[in-house]
Amino acid sequence: MAKAIPAMYENGVLRPLVPVDLSEHQTVWLQVLPEQTMTELLLLL
């Protein structure tokens, strides 16, 4: 399942700003987009 969620980068760690449905130590792939780019993409939906 692919899902876009907001996250904050703090002290070298990406911290999700919303709850995520992941198992402990589960590996995922990330695509990092600036907030402005993500907002523009959401407006297209």
Protein backbone atom coordinates (compact mmCIF):
# COMPACT_ATOMS: atom_id res chain seq x y z
CA MET A 1 0.00 0.00 0.00
CA ALA A 2 1.48 3.36 -1.02
CA LYS A 3 0.60 6.33 1.16
CA ALA A 4 1.77 9.94 1.41
CA ILE A 5 2.15 11.29 4.95
CA PRO A 6 3.67 14.46 6.36
CA ALA A 7 6.89 14.15 8.36
CA MET A 8 9.29 16.47 10.17
CA TYR A 9 13.08 16.13 9.91
CA GLU A 10 14.62 16.63 13.36
CA ASN A 11 18.08 15.70 14.66
CA GLY A 12 18.81 13.44 11.69
CA VAL A 13 15.52 11.52 11.91
CA LEU A 14 12.30 11.75 9.86
CA ARG A 15 9.39 11.78 12.33
CA PRO A 16 5.86 11.09 10.99
CA LEU A 17 3.34 13.77 11.94
CA VAL A 18 0.44 11.30 11.77
CA PRO A 19 0.12 7.71 13.04
CA VAL A 20 1.51 5.08 10.67
CA ASP A 21 0.43 1.44 10.35
CA LEU A 22 3.87 -0.20 10.33
CA SER A 23 5.42 -3.08 12.24
CA GLU A 24 8.40 -2.38 14.49
CA HIS A 25 11.64 -2.50 12.42
CA GLN A 26 9.69 -2.71 9.14
CA THR A 27 11.72 -1.38 6.21
CA VAL A 28 10.03 1.10 3.86
CA TRP A 29 11.11 3.21 0.87
CA LEU A 30 10.78 6.99 1.13
CA GLN A 31 10.39 9.67 -1.49
CA VAL A 32 11.15 13.05 0.05
CA LEU A 33 9.22 16.01 -1.40
CA PRO A 34 9.23 19.60 -0.12
CA GLU A 35 5.95 20.60 1.53
CA GLN A 36 5.12 23.02 -1.31
CA THR A 37 5.49 20.25 -3.92
CA MET A 38 3.24 17.89 -1.95
CA THR A 39 0.58 20.61 -1.54
CA GLU A 40 0.64 21.23 -5.31
CA LEU A 41 0.25 17.48 -5.98
CA LEU A 42 -2.71 17.19 -3.59
CA LEU A 43 -4.48 20.08 -5.32
CA LEU A 44 -4.39 18.04 -8.56
CA LEU A 45 -6.43 15.21 -6.98
